[in-house]
PDB file of N, CA and C in Angstrom:
ATOM      1  N   MET A   1     -18.597 -22.240  73.503  1.00  0.00           N
ATOM      2  CA  MET A   1     -19.886 -22.385  72.871  1.00  0.00           C
ATOM      3  C   MET A   1     -20.658 -21.068  72.896  1.00  0.00           C
ATOM      4  N   ALA A   2     -20.697 -20.406  74.053  1.00  0.00           N
ATOM      5  CA  ALA A   2     -21.441 -19.147  74.163  1.00  0.00           C
ATOM      6  C   ALA A   2     -20.853 -18.082  73.242  1.00  0.00           C
ATOM      7  N   ARG A   3     -19.531 -18.032  73.141  1.00  0.00           N
ATOM      8  CA  ARG A   3     -18.892 -17.051  72.252  1.00  0.00           C
ATOM      9  C   ARG A   3     -19.286 -17.290  70.799  1.00  0.00           C
ATOM     10  N   ALA A   4     -19.294 -18.540  70.383  1.00  0.00           N
ATOM     11  CA  ALA A   4     -19.660 -18.865  69.004  1.00  0.00           C
ATOM     12  C   ALA A   4     -21.110 -18.486  68.726  1.00  0.00           C
ATOM     13  N   LEU A   5     -21.990 -18.749  69.679  1.00  0.00           N
ATOM     14  CA  LEU A   5     -23.400 -18.372  69.507  1.00  0.00           C
ATOM     15  C   LEU A   5     -23.549 -16.855  69.409  1.00  0.00           C
ATOM     16  N   TYR A   6     -22.857 -16.141  70.301  1.00  0.00           N
ATOM     17  CA  TYR A   6     -22.934 -14.683  70.267  1.00  0.00           C
ATOM     18  C   TYR A   6     -22.378 -14.133  68.955  1.00  0.00           C
ATOM     19  N   ASN A   7     -21.257 -14.684  68.476  1.00  0.00           N
ATOM     20  CA  ASN A   7     -20.684 -14.192  67.226  1.00  0.00           C
ATOM     21  C   ASN A   7     -21.648 -14.404  66.058  1.00  0.00           C
ATOM     22  N   SER A   8     -22.347 -15.531  66.039  1.00  0.00           N
ATOM     23  CA  SER A   8     -23.364 -15.763  65.005  1.00  0.00           C
ATOM     24  C   SER A   8     -24.504 -14.752  65.136  1.00  0.00           C
ATOM     25  N   LEU A   9     -24.921 -14.507  66.376  1.00  0.00           N
ATOM     26  CA  LEU A   9     -25.979 -13.528  66.610  1.00  0.00           C
ATOM     27  C   LEU A   9     -25.554 -12.143  66.139  1.00  0.00           C
ATOM     28  N   PHE A  10     -24.326 -11.736  66.464  1.00  0.00           N
ATOM     29  CA  PHE A  10     -23.849 -10.407  66.060  1.00  0.00           C
ATOM     30  C   PHE A  10     -23.851 -10.263  64.542  1.00  0.00           C
ATOM     31  N   GLU A  11     -23.442 -11.302  63.828  1.00  0.00           N
ATOM     32  CA  GLU A  11     -23.443 -11.248  62.360  1.00  0.00           C
ATOM     33  C   GLU A  11     -24.864 -11.119  61.819  1.00  0.00           C
ATOM     34  N   ALA A  12     -25.799 -11.859  62.418  1.00  0.00           N
ATOM     35  CA  ALA A  12     -27.199 -11.757  62.003  1.00  0.00           C
ATOM     36  C   ALA A  12     -27.749 -10.362  62.283  1.00  0.00           C
ATOM     37  N   LEU A  13     -27.419  -9.791  63.438  1.00  0.00           N
ATOM     38  CA  LEU A  13     -27.889  -8.451  63.779  1.00  0.00           C
ATOM     39  C   LEU A  13     -27.306  -7.408  62.832  1.00  0.00           C
ATOM     40  N   LYS A  14     -26.019  -7.546  62.494  1.00  0.00           N
ATOM     41  CA  LYS A  14     -25.406  -6.618  61.528  1.00  0.00           C
ATOM     42  C   LYS A  14     -26.133  -6.690  60.202  1.00  0.00           C
ATOM     43  N   GLY A  15     -26.417  -7.894  59.737  1.00  0.00           N
ATOM     44  CA  GLY A  15     -27.122  -8.073  58.475  1.00  0.00           C
ATOM     45  C   GLY A  15     -28.507  -7.454  58.491  1.00  0.00           C
ATOM     46  N   GLN A  16     -29.081  -7.337  59.662  1.00  0.00           N
ATOM     47  CA  GLN A  16     -30.395  -6.723  59.819  1.00  0.00           C
ATOM     48  C   GLN A  16     -30.313  -5.204  59.933  1.00  0.00           C
ATOM     49  N   GLY A  17     -29.100  -4.682  60.074  1.00  0.00           N
ATOM     50  CA  GLY A  17     -28.939  -3.242  60.219  1.00  0.00           C
ATOM     51  C   GLY A  17     -28.930  -2.750  61.656  1.00  0.00           C
ATOM     52  N   PHE A  18     -28.946  -3.661  62.632  1.00  0.00           N
ATOM     53  CA  PHE A  18     -28.900  -3.233  64.022  1.00  0.00           C
ATOM     54  C   PHE A  18     -27.527  -2.661  64.348  1.00  0.00           C
ATOM     55  N   VAL A  19     -27.502  -1.713  65.263  1.00  0.00           N
ATOM     56  CA  VAL A  19     -26.282  -0.988  65.602  1.00  0.00           C
ATOM     57  C   VAL A  19     -25.685  -1.477  66.921  1.00  0.00           C
ATOM     58  N   ASN A  20     -26.517  -1.806  67.879  1.00  0.00           N
ATOM     59  CA  ASN A  20     -26.060  -2.199  69.215  1.00  0.00           C
ATOM     60  C   ASN A  20     -26.721  -3.500  69.649  1.00  0.00           C
ATOM     61  N   ALA A  21     -26.029  -4.200  70.543  1.00  0.00           N
ATOM     62  CA  ALA A  21     -26.605  -5.350  71.240  1.00  0.00           C
ATOM     63  C   ALA A  21     -26.596  -5.020  72.728  1.00  0.00           C
ATOM     64  N   TYR A  22     -27.599  -5.494  73.442  1.00  0.00           N
ATOM     65  CA  TYR A  22     -27.733  -5.218  74.868  1.00  0.00           C
ATOM     66  C   TYR A  22     -27.873  -6.524  75.637  1.00  0.00           C
ATOM     67  N   ALA A  23     -27.374  -6.533  76.858  1.00  0.00           N
ATOM     68  CA  ALA A  23     -27.495  -7.704  77.720  1.00  0.00           C
ATOM     69  C   ALA A  23     -27.959  -7.258  79.096  1.00  0.00           C
ATOM     70  N   GLY A  24     -28.981  -7.918  79.601  1.00  0.00           N
ATOM     71  CA  GLY A  24     -29.429  -7.739  80.977  1.00  0.00           C
ATOM     72  C   GLY A  24     -29.030  -8.972  81.763  1.00  0.00           C
ATOM     73  N   ILE A  25     -28.318  -8.784  82.847  1.00  0.00           N
ATOM     74  CA  ILE A  25     -27.780  -9.903  83.628  1.00  0.00           C
ATOM     75  C   ILE A  25     -28.241  -9.775  85.073  1.00  0.00           C
ATOM     76  N   THR A  26     -28.912 -10.823  85.564  1.00  0.00           N
ATOM     77  CA  THR A  26     -29.276 -10.863  86.971  1.00  0.00           C
ATOM     78  C   THR A  26     -28.005 -10.962  87.794  1.00  0.00           C
ATOM     79  N   LEU A  27     -27.889 -10.098  88.782  1.00  0.00           N
ATOM     80  CA  LEU A  27     -26.685 -10.032  89.608  1.00  0.00           C
ATOM     81  C   LEU A  27     -26.922 -10.646  90.977  1.00  0.00           C
ATOM     82  N   PRO A  28     -25.909 -11.250  91.554  1.00  0.00           N
ATOM     83  CA  PRO A  28     -24.544 -11.395  91.051  1.00  0.00           C
ATOM     84  C   PRO A  28     -24.446 -12.560  90.073  1.00  0.00           C
ATOM     85  N   ASN A  29     -23.564 -12.437  89.088  1.00  0.00           N
ATOM     86  CA  ASN A  29     -23.307 -13.497  88.122  1.00  0.00           C
ATOM     87  C   ASN A  29     -21.956 -13.220  87.464  1.00  0.00           C
ATOM     88  N   GLU A  30     -20.895 -13.512  88.182  1.00  0.00           N
ATOM     89  CA  GLU A  30     -19.542 -13.202  87.718  1.00  0.00           C
ATOM     90  C   GLU A  30     -19.222 -13.849  86.373  1.00  0.00           C
ATOM     91  N   GLY A  31     -19.694 -15.064  86.149  1.00  0.00           N
ATOM     92  CA  GLY A  31     -19.416 -15.758  84.902  1.00  0.00           C
ATOM     93  C   GLY A  31     -20.014 -15.049  83.699  1.00  0.00           C
ATOM     94  N   SER A  32     -21.277 -14.661  83.812  1.00  0.00           N
ATOM     95  CA  SER A  32     -21.941 -13.980  82.709  1.00  0.00           C
ATOM     96  C   SER A  32     -21.360 -12.584  82.487  1.00  0.00           C
ATOM     97  N   VAL A  33     -21.095 -11.869  83.565  1.00  0.00           N
ATOM     98  CA  VAL A  33     -20.475 -10.546  83.449  1.00  0.00           C
ATOM     99  C   VAL A  33     -19.124 -10.675  82.755  1.00  0.00           C
ATOM    100  N   GLY A  34     -18.318 -11.656  83.178  1.00  0.00           N
ATOM    101  CA  GLY A  34     -17.003 -11.866  82.579  1.00  0.00           C
ATOM    102  C   GLY A  34     -17.088 -12.189  81.098  1.00  0.00           C
ATOM    103  N   LEU A  35     -18.022 -13.050  80.714  1.00  0.00           N
ATOM    104  CA  LEU A  35     -18.206 -13.400  79.302  1.00  0.00           C
ATOM    105  C   LEU A  35     -18.559 -12.169  78.488  1.00  0.00           C
ATOM    106  N   HIS A  36     -19.559 -11.417  78.947  1.00  0.00           N
ATOM    107  CA  HIS A  36     -20.008 -10.254  78.183  1.00  0.00           C
ATOM    108  C   HIS A  36     -18.906  -9.201  78.064  1.00  0.00           C
ATOM    109  N   GLU A  37     -18.183  -8.968  79.134  1.00  0.00           N
ATOM    110  CA  GLU A  37     -17.106  -7.981  79.065  1.00  0.00           C
ATOM    111  C   GLU A  37     -15.962  -8.478  78.185  1.00  0.00           C
ATOM    112  N   ALA A  38     -15.689  -9.780  78.177  1.00  0.00           N
ATOM    113  CA  ALA A  38     -14.662 -10.339  77.287  1.00  0.00           C
ATOM    114  C   ALA A  38     -15.066 -10.194  75.821  1.00  0.00           C
ATOM    115  N   LEU A  39     -16.370 -10.179  75.551  1.00  0.00           N
ATOM    116  CA  LEU A  39     -16.875  -9.993  74.185  1.00  0.00           C
ATOM    117  C   LEU A  39     -16.901  -8.521  73.777  1.00  0.00           C
ATOM    118  N   GLY A  40     -16.609  -7.625  74.726  1.00  0.00           N
ATOM    119  CA  GLY A  40     -16.564  -6.207  74.415  1.00  0.00           C
ATOM    120  C   GLY A  40     -17.746  -5.387  74.904  1.00  0.00           C
ATOM    121  N   PHE A  41     -18.687  -6.020  75.603  1.00  0.00           N
ATOM    122  CA  PHE A  41     -19.819  -5.277  76.160  1.00  0.00           C
ATOM    123  C   PHE A  41     -19.313  -4.307  77.223  1.00  0.00           C
ATOM    124  N   GLU A  42     -19.926  -3.137  77.266  1.00  0.00           N
ATOM    125  CA  GLU A  42     -19.594  -2.126  78.273  1.00  0.00           C
ATOM    126  C   GLU A  42     -20.757  -1.973  79.245  1.00  0.00           C
ATOM    127  N   HIS A  43     -20.416  -1.856  80.514  1.00  0.00           N
ATOM    128  CA  HIS A  43     -21.435  -1.727  81.558  1.00  0.00           C
ATOM    129  C   HIS A  43     -22.134  -0.375  81.451  1.00  0.00           C
ATOM    130  N   LEU A  44     -23.469  -0.396  81.469  1.00  0.00           N
ATOM    131  CA  LEU A  44     -24.270   0.830  81.394  1.00  0.00           C
ATOM    132  C   LEU A  44     -24.815   1.268  82.747  1.00  0.00           C
ATOM    133  N   GLY A  45     -25.254   0.300  83.525  1.00  0.00           N
ATOM    134  CA  GLY A  45     -25.865   0.653  84.803  1.00  0.00           C
ATOM    135  C   GLY A  45     -26.565  -0.535  85.420  1.00  0.00           C
ATOM    136  N   VAL A  46     -27.217  -0.277  86.562  1.00  0.00           N
ATOM    137  CA  VAL A  46     -27.879  -1.344  87.314  1.00  0.00           C
ATOM    138  C   VAL A  46     -29.263  -0.870  87.733  1.00  0.00           C
ATOM    139  N   TYR A  47     -30.250  -1.744  87.526  1.00  0.00           N
ATOM    140  CA  TYR A  47     -31.577  -1.534  88.102  1.00  0.00           C
ATOM    141  C   TYR A  47     -31.594  -2.314  89.410  1.00  0.00           C
ATOM    142  N   ARG A  48     -31.874  -1.653  90.510  1.00  0.00           N
ATOM    143  CA  ARG A  48     -31.820  -2.257  91.841  1.00  0.00           C
ATOM    144  C   ARG A  48     -33.127  -2.957  92.199  1.00  0.00           C
ATOM    145  N   ASN A  49     -32.996  -4.158  92.756  1.00  0.00           N
ATOM    146  CA  ASN A  49     -34.140  -4.904  93.305  1.00  0.00           C
ATOM    147  C   ASN A  49     -35.308  -5.027  92.324  1.00  0.00           C
ATOM    148  N   VAL A  50     -35.021  -5.454  91.105  1.00  0.00           N
ATOM    149  CA  VAL A  50     -36.085  -5.546  90.098  1.00  0.00           C
ATOM    150  C   VAL A  50     -36.526  -6.974  89.808  1.00  0.00           C
ATOM    151  N   GLY A  51     -35.771  -7.958  90.270  1.00  0.00           N
ATOM    152  CA  GLY A  51     -36.151  -9.343  90.018  1.00  0.00           C
ATOM    153  C   GLY A  51     -36.144 -10.156  91.289  1.00  0.00           C
ATOM    154  N   HIS A  52     -37.192 -10.934  91.487  1.00  0.00           N
ATOM    155  CA  HIS A  52     -37.284 -11.788  92.671  1.00  0.00           C
ATOM    156  C   HIS A  52     -37.075 -13.226  92.233  1.00  0.00           C
ATOM    157  N   LYS A  53     -36.012 -13.850  92.750  1.00  0.00           N
ATOM    158  CA  LYS A  53     -35.656 -15.211  92.354  1.00  0.00           C
ATOM    159  C   LYS A  53     -35.052 -15.926  93.550  1.00  0.00           C
ATOM    160  N   ASP A  54     -35.400 -17.187  93.701  1.00  0.00           N
ATOM    161  CA  ASP A  54     -34.860 -18.003  94.788  1.00  0.00           C
ATOM    162  C   ASP A  54     -35.071 -17.357  96.161  1.00  0.00           C
ATOM    163  N   GLY A  55     -36.225 -16.735  96.342  1.00  0.00           N
ATOM    164  CA  GLY A  55     -36.584 -16.193  97.648  1.00  0.00           C
ATOM    165  C   GLY A  55     -35.964 -14.858  98.008  1.00  0.00           C
ATOM    166  N   ARG A  56     -35.299 -14.208  97.051  1.00  0.00           N
ATOM    167  CA  ARG A  56     -34.742 -12.888  97.374  1.00  0.00           C
ATOM    168  C   ARG A  56     -34.741 -11.989  96.144  1.00  0.00           C
ATOM    169  N   TRP A  57     -34.572 -10.702  96.402  1.00  0.00           N
ATOM    170  CA  TRP A  57     -34.542  -9.705  95.350  1.00  0.00           C
ATOM    171  C   TRP A  57     -33.142  -9.605  94.740  1.00  0.00           C
ATOM    172  N   HIS A  58     -33.110  -9.358  93.447  1.00  0.00           N
ATOM    173  CA  HIS A  58     -31.836  -9.243  92.735  1.00  0.00           C
ATOM    174  C   HIS A  58     -31.813  -7.970  91.906  1.00  0.00           C
ATOM    175  N   ASP A  59     -30.593  -7.469  91.730  1.00  0.00           N
ATOM    176  CA  ASP A  59     -30.371  -6.357  90.806  1.00  0.00           C
ATOM    177  C   ASP A  59     -30.192  -6.934  89.405  1.00  0.00           C
ATOM    178  N   VAL A  60     -30.439  -6.104  88.399  1.00  0.00           N
ATOM    179  CA  VAL A  60     -30.166  -6.480  87.013  1.00  0.00           C
ATOM    180  C   VAL A  60     -29.225  -5.441  86.432  1.00  0.00           C
ATOM    181  N   GLY A  61     -28.059  -5.919  85.978  1.00  0.00           N
ATOM    182  CA  GLY A  61     -27.086  -5.043  85.339  1.00  0.00           C
ATOM    183  C   GLY A  61     -27.309  -5.025  83.842  1.00  0.00           C
ATOM    184  N   TRP A  62     -26.985  -3.896  83.215  1.00  0.00           N
ATOM    185  CA  TRP A  62     -27.173  -3.735  81.771  1.00  0.00           C
ATOM    186  C   TRP A  62     -25.851  -3.409  81.112  1.00  0.00           C
ATOM    187  N   TRP A  63     -25.595  -4.103  79.988  1.00  0.00           N
ATOM    188  CA  TRP A  63     -24.375  -3.939  79.199  1.00  0.00           C
ATOM    189  C   TRP A  63     -24.748  -3.674  77.746  1.00  0.00           C
ATOM    190  N   GLN A  64     -23.872  -2.969  77.040  1.00  0.00           N
ATOM    191  CA  GLN A  64     -24.099  -2.618  75.638  1.00  0.00           C
ATOM    192  C   GLN A  64     -22.850  -2.923  74.821  1.00  0.00           C
ATOM    193  N   LEU A  65     -23.059  -3.397  73.605  1.00  0.00           N
ATOM    194  CA  LEU A  65     -21.976  -3.634  72.658  1.00  0.00           C
ATOM    195  C   LEU A  65     -22.333  -2.970  71.334  1.00  0.00           C
ATOM    196  N   ALA A  66     -21.477  -2.072  70.852  1.00  0.00           N
ATOM    197  CA  ALA A  66     -21.659  -1.491  69.520  1.00  0.00           C
ATOM    198  C   ALA A  66     -21.215  -2.549  68.515  1.00  0.00           C
ATOM    199  N   ILE A  67     -22.125  -2.962  67.615  1.00  0.00           N
ATOM    200  CA  ILE A  67     -21.782  -4.016  66.663  1.00  0.00           C
ATOM    201  C   ILE A  67     -21.489  -3.479  65.268  1.00  0.00           C
ATOM    202  N   GLN A  68     -21.881  -2.237  65.002  1.00  0.00           N
ATOM    203  CA  GLN A  68     -21.509  -1.594  63.746  1.00  0.00           C
ATOM    204  C   GLN A  68     -21.884  -0.118  63.830  1.00  0.00           C
ATOM    205  N   ASP A  69     -21.296   0.673  62.949  1.00  0.00           N
ATOM    206  CA  ASP A  69     -21.660   2.086  62.878  1.00  0.00           C
ATOM    207  C   ASP A  69     -23.076   2.213  62.350  1.00  0.00           C
ATOM    208  N   PRO A  70     -23.798   3.255  62.767  1.00  0.00           N
ATOM    209  CA  PRO A  70     -25.150   3.442  62.256  1.00  0.00           C
ATOM    210  C   PRO A  70     -25.149   3.618  60.731  1.00  0.00           C
ATOM    211  N   LEU A  71     -26.116   3.003  60.081  1.00  0.00           N
ATOM    212  CA  LEU A  71     -26.278   3.160  58.647  1.00  0.00           C
ATOM    213  C   LEU A  71     -26.955   4.492  58.373  1.00  0.00           C
ATOM    214  N   GLU A  72     -26.547   5.161  57.307  1.00  0.00           N
ATOM    215  CA  GLU A  72     -27.127   6.462  56.993  1.00  0.00           C
ATOM    216  C   GLU A  72     -28.601   6.355  56.629  1.00  0.00           C
ATOM    217  N   HIS A  73     -28.957   5.324  55.878  1.00  0.00           N
ATOM    218  CA  HIS A  73     -30.350   5.125  55.454  1.00  0.00           C
ATOM    219  C   HIS A  73     -30.747   3.671  55.728  1.00  0.00           C
ATOM    220  N   PRO A  74     -31.005   3.337  56.993  1.00  0.00           N
ATOM    221  CA  PRO A  74     -31.318   1.936  57.303  1.00  0.00           C
ATOM    222  C   PRO A  74     -32.684   1.527  56.763  1.00  0.00           C
ATOM    223  N   GLU A  75     -32.766   0.277  56.375  1.00  0.00           N
ATOM    224  CA  GLU A  75     -34.047  -0.308  55.985  1.00  0.00           C
ATOM    225  C   GLU A  75     -34.669  -0.946  57.220  1.00  0.00           C
ATOM    226  N   PRO A  76     -35.991  -1.136  57.224  1.00  0.00           N
ATOM    227  CA  PRO A  76     -36.600  -1.852  58.360  1.00  0.00           C
ATOM    228  C   PRO A  76     -36.004  -3.259  58.453  1.00  0.00           C
ATOM    229  N   PRO A  77     -35.879  -3.795  59.667  1.00  0.00           N
ATOM    230  CA  PRO A  77     -35.354  -5.156  59.803  1.00  0.00           C
ATOM    231  C   PRO A  77     -36.206  -6.158  59.033  1.00  0.00           C
ATOM    232  N   THR A  78     -35.558  -7.144  58.467  1.00  0.00           N
ATOM    233  CA  THR A  78     -36.221  -8.226  57.755  1.00  0.00           C
ATOM    234  C   THR A  78     -36.543  -9.324  58.759  1.00  0.00           C
ATOM    235  N   PRO A  79     -37.722  -9.939  58.679  1.00  0.00           N
ATOM    236  CA  PRO A  79     -37.984 -11.079  59.564  1.00  0.00           C
ATOM    237  C   PRO A  79     -36.860 -12.107  59.427  1.00  0.00           C
ATOM    238  N   PHE A  80     -36.435 -12.694  60.533  1.00  0.00           N
ATOM    239  CA  PHE A  80     -35.282 -13.589  60.505  1.00  0.00           C
ATOM    240  C   PHE A  80     -35.462 -14.740  59.518  1.00  0.00           C
ATOM    241  N   ARG A  81     -36.687 -15.223  59.349  1.00  0.00           N
ATOM    242  CA  ARG A  81     -36.918 -16.307  58.401  1.00  0.00           C
ATOM    243  C   ARG A  81     -36.508 -15.870  57.007  1.00  0.00           C
ATOM    244  N   LEU A  82     -36.914 -14.676  56.594  1.00  0.00           N
ATOM    245  CA  LEU A  82     -36.566 -14.166  55.273  1.00  0.00           C
ATOM    246  C   LEU A  82     -35.094 -13.803  55.188  1.00  0.00           C
ATOM    247  N   PHE A  83     -34.552 -13.272  56.277  1.00  0.00           N
ATOM    248  CA  PHE A  83     -33.129 -12.933  56.321  1.00  0.00           C
ATOM    249  C   PHE A  83     -32.299 -14.177  56.069  1.00  0.00           C
ATOM    250  N   ARG A  84     -32.649 -15.260  56.723  1.00  0.00           N
ATOM    251  CA  ARG A  84     -31.907 -16.515  56.557  1.00  0.00           C
ATOM    252  C   ARG A  84     -32.019 -17.021  55.128  1.00  0.00           C
ATOM    253  N   GLU A  85     -33.208 -16.943  54.539  1.00  0.00           N
ATOM    254  CA  GLU A  85     -33.386 -17.377  53.152  1.00  0.00           C
ATOM    255  C   GLU A  85     -32.524 -16.532  52.212  1.00  0.00           C
ATOM    256  N   ARG A  86     -32.448 -15.231  52.448  1.00  0.00           N
ATOM    257  CA  ARG A  86     -31.614 -14.357  51.619  1.00  0.00           C
ATOM    258  C   ARG A  86     -30.151 -14.740  51.742  1.00  0.00           C
ATOM    259  N   GLU A  87     -29.703 -15.012  52.973  1.00  0.00           N
ATOM    260  CA  GLU A  87     -28.310 -15.415  53.192  1.00  0.00           C
ATOM    261  C   GLU A  87     -27.993 -16.702  52.453  1.00  0.00           C
ATOM    262  N   GLU A  88     -28.905 -17.673  52.518  1.00  0.00           N
ATOM    263  CA  GLU A  88     -28.687 -18.967  51.875  1.00  0.00           C
ATOM    264  C   GLU A  88     -28.616 -18.832  50.359  1.00  0.00           C
ATOM    265  N   CYS A  89     -29.302 -17.836  49.818  1.00  0.00           N
ATOM    266  CA  CYS A  89     -29.308 -17.616  48.367  1.00  0.00           C
ATOM    267  C   CYS A  89     -28.189 -16.685  47.914  1.00  0.00           C
ATOM    268  N   GLY A  90     -27.412 -16.165  48.854  1.00  0.00           N
ATOM    269  CA  GLY A  90     -26.308 -15.287  48.509  1.00  0.00           C
ATOM    270  C   GLY A  90     -26.710 -13.856  48.214  1.00  0.00           C
ATOM    271  N   VAL A  91     -27.906 -13.450  48.640  1.00  0.00           N
ATOM    272  CA  VAL A  91     -28.373 -12.079  48.433  1.00  0.00           C
ATOM    273  C   VAL A  91     -27.661 -11.185  49.448  1.00  0.00           C
ATOM    274  N   PRO A  92     -27.071 -10.060  49.011  1.00  0.00           N
ATOM    275  CA  PRO A  92     -26.360  -9.176  49.960  1.00  0.00           C
ATOM    276  C   PRO A  92     -27.297  -8.639  51.039  1.00  0.00           C
ATOM    277  N   THR A  93     -26.745  -8.459  52.237  1.00  0.00           N
ATOM    278  CA  THR A  93     -27.479  -7.860  53.337  1.00  0.00           C
ATOM    279  C   THR A  93     -27.136  -6.374  53.392  1.00  0.00           C
ATOM    280  N   GLN A  94     -27.746  -5.635  54.317  1.00  0.00           N
ATOM    281  CA  GLN A  94     -27.592  -4.184  54.367  1.00  0.00           C
ATOM    282  C   GLN A  94     -26.154  -3.732  54.541  1.00  0.00           C
ATOM    283  N   ASN A  95     -25.333  -4.497  55.224  1.00  0.00           N
ATOM    284  CA  ASN A  95     -23.982  -4.027  55.516  1.00  0.00           C
ATOM    285  C   ASN A  95     -22.967  -4.474  54.467  1.00  0.00           C
ATOM    286  N   GLU A  96     -23.413  -5.055  53.381  1.00  0.00           N
ATOM    287  CA  GLU A  96     -22.493  -5.492  52.329  1.00  0.00           C
ATOM    288  C   GLU A  96     -22.512  -4.537  51.161  1.00  0.00           C
TER     289      GLU A  96
END
């Protein structure tokens, strides 16, 4: 289920002209780290002791996924409501 949701998100982001997707994961979280790395996210780094949850401090790890090459002349992102309407009408998006 999570993979299908992410794949839909990546397609929407590509249509908007976005180049990268980022994930912040409260650590430790082996399941989430494993999912993101299986999807192709690469580890960028860790912010130490930045979140307090369940009575203790946690690190937050950051991952990045390149979802498309940068566009030479990108347009500003379209509000998702309008983006969805364009998709439903068959109007090409920036990456088509």
